Amino acid sequence: MSGSISGMGFSALGQLTAGLTLIKKNFDTLTEQASSGMISRRILIR
């Protein structure tokens, strides 16, 4: 079963989960900023 999720081990699976959580948090922040217009204001300022 090499290459399967069960063969990865808990450490690698934990790191993957933490990475995906961070990515989701970053996307949530970008979505919030885009919906509030913050990103468009930043682009205009530059």
N, C-alpha and C. Protein backbone atom coordinates (compact mmCIF):
# COMPACT_ATOMS: atom_id res chain seq x y z
N MET A 1 0.81 -1.19 0.00
CA MET A 1 0.00 0.00 0.00
C MET A 1 0.86 1.26 0.00
N SER A 2 2.03 1.20 -0.52
CA SER A 2 2.83 2.42 -0.52
C SER A 2 2.21 3.44 -1.46
N GLY A 3 2.24 4.69 -1.05
CA GLY A 3 1.64 5.74 -1.84
C GLY A 3 0.22 6.06 -1.44
N SER A 4 -0.39 5.22 -0.64
CA SER A 4 -1.75 5.51 -0.19
C SER A 4 -1.70 6.39 1.05
N ILE A 5 -2.82 6.97 1.40
CA ILE A 5 -2.87 7.85 2.57
C ILE A 5 -2.50 7.09 3.83
N SER A 6 -2.94 5.85 3.95
CA SER A 6 -2.63 5.08 5.15
C SER A 6 -1.14 4.79 5.24
N GLY A 7 -0.43 4.81 4.14
CA GLY A 7 1.00 4.58 4.15
C GLY A 7 1.82 5.83 4.43
N MET A 8 1.16 6.98 4.48
CA MET A 8 1.87 8.25 4.70
C MET A 8 2.34 8.40 6.14
N GLY A 9 1.55 7.92 7.06
CA GLY A 9 1.87 8.11 8.47
C GLY A 9 1.15 9.33 9.01
N PHE A 10 1.00 9.35 10.32
CA PHE A 10 0.25 10.44 10.95
C PHE A 10 0.97 11.77 10.86
N SER A 11 2.28 11.78 10.90
CA SER A 11 3.03 13.03 10.85
C SER A 11 2.81 13.75 9.54
N ALA A 12 2.96 13.04 8.44
CA ALA A 12 2.77 13.65 7.12
C ALA A 12 1.32 14.07 6.93
N LEU A 13 0.40 13.27 7.42
CA LEU A 13 -1.02 13.60 7.29
C LEU A 13 -1.35 14.84 8.10
N GLY A 14 -0.74 14.97 9.27
CA GLY A 14 -0.95 16.16 10.10
C GLY A 14 -0.39 17.41 9.43
N GLN A 15 0.77 17.29 8.81
CA GLN A 15 1.37 18.43 8.10
C GLN A 15 0.51 18.83 6.91
N LEU A 16 -0.02 17.85 6.20
CA LEU A 16 -0.89 18.12 5.06
C LEU A 16 -2.15 18.84 5.51
N THR A 17 -2.74 18.37 6.59
CA THR A 17 -3.96 18.98 7.12
C THR A 17 -3.68 20.43 7.55
N ALA A 18 -2.56 20.66 8.22
CA ALA A 18 -2.21 22.01 8.65
C ALA A 18 -2.01 22.92 7.46
N GLY A 19 -1.36 22.42 6.42
CA GLY A 19 -1.14 23.21 5.21
C GLY A 19 -2.44 23.57 4.52
N LEU A 20 -3.34 22.61 4.42
CA LEU A 20 -4.64 22.86 3.79
C LEU A 20 -5.47 23.84 4.60
N THR A 21 -5.38 23.76 5.92
CA THR A 21 -6.09 24.70 6.79
C THR A 21 -5.58 26.11 6.58
N LEU A 22 -4.26 26.26 6.46
CA LEU A 22 -3.67 27.58 6.23
C LEU A 22 -4.09 28.14 4.88
N ILE A 23 -4.10 27.30 3.86
CA ILE A 23 -4.53 27.74 2.52
C ILE A 23 -5.98 28.20 2.56
N LYS A 24 -6.83 27.44 3.24
CA LYS A 24 -8.25 27.81 3.33
C LYS A 24 -8.40 29.14 4.05
N LYS A 25 -7.63 29.34 5.10
CA LYS A 25 -7.69 30.60 5.85
C LYS A 25 -7.28 31.77 4.95
N ASN A 26 -6.23 31.58 4.16
CA ASN A 26 -5.78 32.64 3.25
C ASN A 26 -6.84 32.96 2.20
N PHE A 27 -7.49 31.93 1.66
CA PHE A 27 -8.55 32.16 0.67
C PHE A 27 -9.74 32.86 1.31
N ASP A 28 -10.06 32.48 2.55
CA ASP A 28 -11.17 33.14 3.25
C ASP A 28 -10.87 34.63 3.44
N THR A 29 -9.62 34.94 3.78
CA THR A 29 -9.22 36.34 3.96
C THR A 29 -9.31 37.10 2.64
N LEU A 30 -8.82 36.50 1.57
CA LEU A 30 -8.90 37.14 0.25
C LEU A 30 -10.35 37.35 -0.17
N THR A 31 -11.19 36.37 0.07
CA THR A 31 -12.60 36.48 -0.29
C THR A 31 -13.26 37.62 0.48
N GLU A 32 -12.95 37.71 1.77
CA GLU A 32 -13.51 38.77 2.60
C GLU A 32 -13.04 40.14 2.12
N GLN A 33 -11.75 40.25 1.79
CA GLN A 33 -11.22 41.51 1.32
C GLN A 33 -11.82 41.89 -0.04
N ALA A 34 -12.00 40.92 -0.90
CA ALA A 34 -12.58 41.20 -2.22
C ALA A 34 -14.03 41.64 -2.09
N SER A 35 -14.78 41.02 -1.21
CA SER A 35 -16.19 41.37 -1.06
C SER A 35 -16.36 42.74 -0.42
N SER A 36 -15.39 43.16 0.39
CA SER A 36 -15.49 44.47 1.03
C SER A 36 -14.92 45.57 0.15
N GLY A 37 -14.28 45.19 -0.97
CA GLY A 37 -13.69 46.18 -1.86
C GLY A 37 -12.27 46.57 -1.48
N MET A 38 -11.73 45.96 -0.44
CA MET A 38 -10.39 46.32 0.05
C MET A 38 -9.32 46.07 -1.01
N ILE A 39 -9.43 44.97 -1.73
CA ILE A 39 -8.42 44.62 -2.74
C ILE A 39 -8.44 45.64 -3.87
N SER A 40 -9.62 46.02 -4.33
CA SER A 40 -9.69 46.98 -5.44
C SER A 40 -9.12 48.33 -5.02
N ARG A 41 -9.33 48.72 -3.77
CA ARG A 41 -8.76 49.98 -3.29
C ARG A 41 -7.24 49.89 -3.24
N ARG A 42 -6.71 48.75 -2.85
CA ARG A 42 -5.24 48.59 -2.81
C ARG A 42 -4.64 48.68 -4.20
N ILE A 43 -5.32 48.11 -5.17
CA ILE A 43 -4.80 48.15 -6.55
C ILE A 43 -4.80 49.59 -7.05
N LEU A 44 -5.84 50.35 -6.75
CA LEU A 44 -5.94 51.73 -7.21
C LEU A 44 -4.88 52.62 -6.55
N ILE A 45 -4.53 52.31 -5.30
CA ILE A 45 -3.54 53.12 -4.58
C ILE A 45 -2.16 52.95 -5.21
N ARG A 46 -1.84 51.76 -5.67
CA ARG A 46 -0.53 51.51 -6.27
C ARG A 46 -0.49 52.17 -7.58
